[in-house]
Structure formats: C-alpha cells, structure tokens
Amino acid sequence: MDAGPDYRFPRKYRVIHARHFAVVFDGGVRATAGPLVVWGAPNQLSHCRLGLAISRRVGTAPVRNRIRRLIRESFRLMRDDLPREPQGYDVVVSARRHEPMTLDEYRAALARAVQAVERRWHEKSNTPNGRP
C-alpha cells in the first residue's frame, strides 16, 4: 500500500544554527514577494531547508506566531516542488509588517520568492551548474 507523500516537517528541513543563518544572510541572494523577504543560498544537500526571522516590528506575539505557522505550513506543503537539483537551498524568510494573509497567499508569495532566489543565484554564479 502506497502511503503517499510525506508531509512531515522534521529537523533536517529546518535552518536552526546561527552559523547557517549567517551563511545565508552574508553570502546569499535576496528576493521579495509581497510582504515576504526571502534570502537563499545553496546548502549542498538534496533538499531545501527553511529558517524564519520574524521581527517584533511585524506585530504582537500572537500575530508573529500566526505568520510563522502559515509560512512554515506553506513551505511544508510545497517542499517537494522546491529546487533541489543539483543542490537544495537554505531559505530564510522574514516579513514586513502586514495583515496576515491566507495560507494560499503565503504559499504563492513564498513560491515566487524562492524561484527568484534560485534565478538570482544562477545569475550571480555565472556558471552553468549554479555554483560559484
């Protein structure tokens, strides 16, 4: 019996350590889509990982937590559609102050931003396989 796709969000799909955030912020590329600001850099893994950096300027704790949950869920649902050949990306998402959107709106914005990050990384690297 086929169990279907795995939609869990285990630790291996998360950017957790400060050093990984620093690599993305310092050496990655940036793209925006609506209220989302997304930084990304290749991670030499076969999958993408998500990190969240939601500032207090976005709103109160319940608002920030709701936004985090919706972005995390968006990433989890579209994880298999994200770039992973020849490598995945570490993606760090920040948000500007805004009214919380629906899950579908976050999903569409995140997809646009990740595609832009991948395209800009390939332009930045000037090599056929996307590595500097």
C-alpha atoms as a PDB file:
ATOM      1  CA  MET A   1       0.000   0.000   0.000  1.00  0.00           C
ATOM      2  CA  ASP A   2       1.398   3.400  -1.051  1.00  0.00           C
ATOM      3  CA  ALA A   3       1.489   5.830   1.863  1.00  0.00           C
ATOM      4  CA  GLY A   4       1.651   8.863  -0.458  1.00  0.00           C
ATOM      5  CA  PRO A   5       3.851  11.906   0.003  1.00  0.00           C
ATOM      6  CA  ASP A   6       5.458  12.582   3.374  1.00  0.00           C
ATOM      7  CA  TYR A   7       4.297  15.988   4.641  1.00  0.00           C
ATOM      8  CA  ARG A   8       6.060  15.960   7.993  1.00  0.00           C
ATOM      9  CA  PHE A   9       8.454  18.785   8.859  1.00  0.00           C
ATOM     10  CA  PRO A  10      11.429  17.104  10.543  1.00  0.00           C
ATOM     11  CA  ARG A  11      14.533  18.844  11.815  1.00  0.00           C
ATOM     12  CA  LYS A  12      16.530  18.137   8.639  1.00  0.00           C
ATOM     13  CA  TYR A  13      14.290  20.623   6.765  1.00  0.00           C
ATOM     14  CA  ARG A  14      14.966  23.495   9.187  1.00  0.00           C
ATOM     15  CA  VAL A  15      17.726  26.092   9.316  1.00  0.00           C
ATOM     16  CA  ILE A  16      18.436  26.080  13.030  1.00  0.00           C
ATOM     17  CA  HIS A  17      22.016  27.078  13.794  1.00  0.00           C
ATOM     18  CA  ALA A  18      23.205  30.683  13.812  1.00  0.00           C
ATOM     19  CA  ARG A  19      26.111  29.804  11.523  1.00  0.00           C
ATOM     20  CA  HIS A  20      23.709  28.597   8.826  1.00  0.00           C
ATOM     21  CA  PHE A  21      21.641  31.778   9.135  1.00  0.00           C
ATOM     22  CA  ALA A  22      24.873  33.782   8.828  1.00  0.00           C
ATOM     23  CA  VAL A  23      25.868  31.952   5.627  1.00  0.00           C
ATOM     24  CA  VAL A  24      22.504  32.752   4.065  1.00  0.00           C
ATOM     25  CA  PHE A  25      22.431  36.396   5.173  1.00  0.00           C
ATOM     26  CA  ASP A  26      26.080  37.102   4.298  1.00  0.00           C
ATOM     27  CA  GLY A  27      26.541  35.137   1.091  1.00  0.00           C
ATOM     28  CA  GLY A  28      23.083  34.539  -0.267  1.00  0.00           C
ATOM     29  CA  VAL A  29      20.767  36.443  -2.555  1.00  0.00           C
ATOM     30  CA  ARG A  30      17.555  38.233  -1.650  1.00  0.00           C
ATOM     31  CA  ALA A  31      14.127  38.392  -3.218  1.00  0.00           C
ATOM     32  CA  THR A  32      10.815  39.872  -2.138  1.00  0.00           C
ATOM     33  CA  ALA A  33       7.260  38.791  -2.829  1.00  0.00           C
ATOM     34  CA  GLY A  34       4.522  40.809  -1.218  1.00  0.00           C
ATOM     35  CA  PRO A  35       5.341  41.207   2.480  1.00  0.00           C
ATOM     36  CA  LEU A  36       7.912  38.368   2.451  1.00  0.00           C
ATOM     37  CA  VAL A  37      11.637  38.988   2.175  1.00  0.00           C
ATOM     38  CA  VAL A  38      13.469  35.775   1.327  1.00  0.00           C
ATOM     39  CA  TRP A  39      17.213  35.158   1.432  1.00  0.00           C
ATOM     40  CA  GLY A  40      18.658  31.998  -0.043  1.00  0.00           C
ATOM     41  CA  ALA A  41      21.941  30.216  -0.618  1.00  0.00           C
ATOM     42  CA  PRO A  42      22.811  26.699  -1.833  1.00  0.00           C
ATOM     43  CA  ASN A  43      23.253  24.221   1.005  1.00  0.00           C
ATOM     44  CA  GLN A  44      24.895  21.214  -0.739  1.00  0.00           C
ATOM     45  CA  LEU A  45      22.019  18.985   0.396  1.00  0.00           C
ATOM     46  CA  SER A  46      19.437  17.272  -1.766  1.00  0.00           C
ATOM     47  CA  HIS A  47      16.590  19.312  -0.249  1.00  0.00           C
ATOM     48  CA  CYS A  48      15.687  22.849   0.777  1.00  0.00           C
ATOM     49  CA  ARG A  49      15.640  23.989   4.390  1.00  0.00           C
ATOM     50  CA  LEU A  50      13.577  26.780   5.950  1.00  0.00           C
ATOM     51  CA  GLY A  51      14.589  29.355   8.523  1.00  0.00           C
ATOM     52  CA  LEU A  52      12.329  32.056   9.926  1.00  0.00           C
ATOM     53  CA  ALA A  53      13.365  35.513  11.144  1.00  0.00           C
ATOM     54  CA  ILE A  54      10.167  37.356  12.035  1.00  0.00           C
ATOM     55  CA  SER A  55      10.852  40.684  13.748  1.00  0.00           C
ATOM     56  CA  ARG A  56       8.849  42.233  16.571  1.00  0.00           C
ATOM     57  CA  ARG A  57       8.066  45.093  14.200  1.00  0.00           C
ATOM     58  CA  VAL A  58       5.685  42.747  12.378  1.00  0.00           C
ATOM     59  CA  GLY A  59       3.242  42.726  15.290  1.00  0.00           C
ATOM     60  CA  THR A  60       2.416  41.261  18.648  1.00  0.00           C
ATOM     61  CA  ALA A  61       3.481  37.741  19.603  1.00  0.00           C
ATOM     62  CA  PRO A  62       0.195  36.115  18.509  1.00  0.00           C
ATOM     63  CA  VAL A  63       0.402  37.840  15.123  1.00  0.00           C
ATOM     64  CA  ARG A  64       4.051  36.825  14.623  1.00  0.00           C
ATOM     65  CA  ASN A  65       3.318  33.244  15.673  1.00  0.00           C
ATOM     66  CA  ARG A  66       0.382  33.013  13.263  1.00  0.00           C
ATOM     67  CA  ILE A  67       2.562  34.299  10.421  1.00  0.00           C
ATOM     68  CA  ARG A  68       5.305  31.816  11.325  1.00  0.00           C
ATOM     69  CA  ARG A  69       2.849  28.916  11.356  1.00  0.00           C
ATOM     70  CA  LEU A  70       1.400  29.882   7.974  1.00  0.00           C
ATOM     71  CA  ILE A  71       4.839  30.296   6.355  1.00  0.00           C
ATOM     72  CA  ARG A  72       6.040  27.002   7.849  1.00  0.00           C
ATOM     73  CA  GLU A  73       2.920  25.231   6.588  1.00  0.00           C
ATOM     74  CA  SER A  74       3.349  26.800   3.131  1.00  0.00           C
ATOM     75  CA  PHE A  75       6.924  25.532   2.968  1.00  0.00           C
ATOM     76  CA  ARG A  76       5.910  22.090   4.201  1.00  0.00           C
ATOM     77  CA  LEU A  77       3.200  21.710   1.563  1.00  0.00           C
ATOM     78  CA  MET A  78       5.392  22.887  -1.330  1.00  0.00           C
ATOM     79  CA  ARG A  79       8.626  21.234  -0.164  1.00  0.00           C
ATOM     80  CA  ASP A  80       8.650  18.682  -2.992  1.00  0.00           C
ATOM     81  CA  ASP A  81       8.217  21.426  -5.618  1.00  0.00           C
ATOM     82  CA  LEU A  82      11.237  23.438  -4.451  1.00  0.00           C
ATOM     83  CA  PRO A  83      14.575  23.342  -6.309  1.00  0.00           C
ATOM     84  CA  ARG A  84      16.898  20.527  -5.275  1.00  0.00           C
ATOM     85  CA  GLU A  85      18.974  19.732  -8.339  1.00  0.00           C
ATOM     86  CA  PRO A  86      21.972  19.874  -8.326  1.00  0.00           C
ATOM     87  CA  GLN A  87      21.544  21.094  -4.738  1.00  0.00           C
ATOM     88  CA  GLY A  88      18.895  22.468  -2.436  1.00  0.00           C
ATOM     89  CA  TYR A  89      18.801  25.891  -0.866  1.00  0.00           C
ATOM     90  CA  ASP A  90      18.732  27.234   2.644  1.00  0.00           C
ATOM     91  CA  VAL A  91      15.866  29.703   2.606  1.00  0.00           C
ATOM     92  CA  VAL A  92      15.417  32.284   5.371  1.00  0.00           C
ATOM     93  CA  VAL A  93      12.117  34.152   5.390  1.00  0.00           C
ATOM     94  CA  SER A  94      11.480  37.482   7.026  1.00  0.00           C
ATOM     95  CA  ALA A  95       8.291  39.506   6.848  1.00  0.00           C
ATOM     96  CA  ARG A  96       7.426  43.178   6.679  1.00  0.00           C
ATOM     97  CA  ARG A  97       4.542  44.498   8.754  1.00  0.00           C
ATOM     98  CA  HIS A  98       1.279  43.411   7.133  1.00  0.00           C
ATOM     99  CA  GLU A  99      -2.130  41.979   7.827  1.00  0.00           C
ATOM    100  CA  PRO A 100      -1.840  38.181   7.982  1.00  0.00           C
ATOM    101  CA  MET A 101      -2.787  36.590   4.670  1.00  0.00           C
ATOM    102  CA  THR A 102      -4.337  33.231   3.871  1.00  0.00           C
ATOM    103  CA  LEU A 103      -2.308  30.059   3.551  1.00  0.00           C
ATOM    104  CA  ASP A 104      -2.681  30.100  -0.246  1.00  0.00           C
ATOM    105  CA  GLU A 105      -1.438  33.694  -0.434  1.00  0.00           C
ATOM    106  CA  TYR A 106       1.634  32.868   1.665  1.00  0.00           C
ATOM    107  CA  ARG A 107       2.243  29.775  -0.423  1.00  0.00           C
ATOM    108  CA  ALA A 108       2.115  31.747  -3.683  1.00  0.00           C
ATOM    109  CA  ALA A 109       4.359  34.511  -2.330  1.00  0.00           C
ATOM    110  CA  LEU A 110       6.883  32.007  -0.989  1.00  0.00           C
ATOM    111  CA  ALA A 111       6.955  30.110  -4.289  1.00  0.00           C
ATOM    112  CA  ARG A 112       7.577  33.339  -6.260  1.00  0.00           C
ATOM    113  CA  ALA A 113      10.326  34.423  -3.890  1.00  0.00           C
ATOM    114  CA  VAL A 114      12.125  31.059  -3.908  1.00  0.00           C
ATOM    115  CA  GLN A 115      12.046  30.969  -7.721  1.00  0.00           C
ATOM    116  CA  ALA A 116      13.515  34.475  -7.778  1.00  0.00           C
ATOM    117  CA  VAL A 117      16.235  33.439  -5.310  1.00  0.00           C
ATOM    118  CA  GLU A 118      17.178  30.464  -7.468  1.00  0.00           C
ATOM    119  CA  ARG A 119      17.250  32.588 -10.633  1.00  0.00           C
ATOM    120  CA  ARG A 120      19.354  35.314  -8.971  1.00  0.00           C
ATOM    121  CA  TRP A 121      21.772  32.747  -7.559  1.00  0.00           C
ATOM    122  CA  HIS A 122      22.329  31.318 -11.041  1.00  0.00           C
ATOM    123  CA  GLU A 123      22.864  34.823 -12.436  1.00  0.00           C
ATOM    124  CA  LYS A 124      25.293  35.626  -9.596  1.00  0.00           C
ATOM    125  CA  SER A 125      27.331  32.480 -10.024  1.00  0.00           C
ATOM    126  CA  ASN A 126      27.859  32.807 -13.823  1.00  0.00           C
ATOM    127  CA  THR A 127      28.393  29.075 -14.171  1.00  0.00           C
ATOM    128  CA  PRO A 128      26.154  26.501 -15.881  1.00  0.00           C
ATOM    129  CA  ASN A 129      25.500  24.452 -12.742  1.00  0.00           C
ATOM    130  CA  GLY A 130      24.853  27.421 -10.436  1.00  0.00           C
ATOM    131  CA  ARG A 131      27.879  27.067  -8.139  1.00  0.00           C
ATOM    132  CA  PRO A 132      30.296  29.977  -7.644  1.00  0.00           C
END
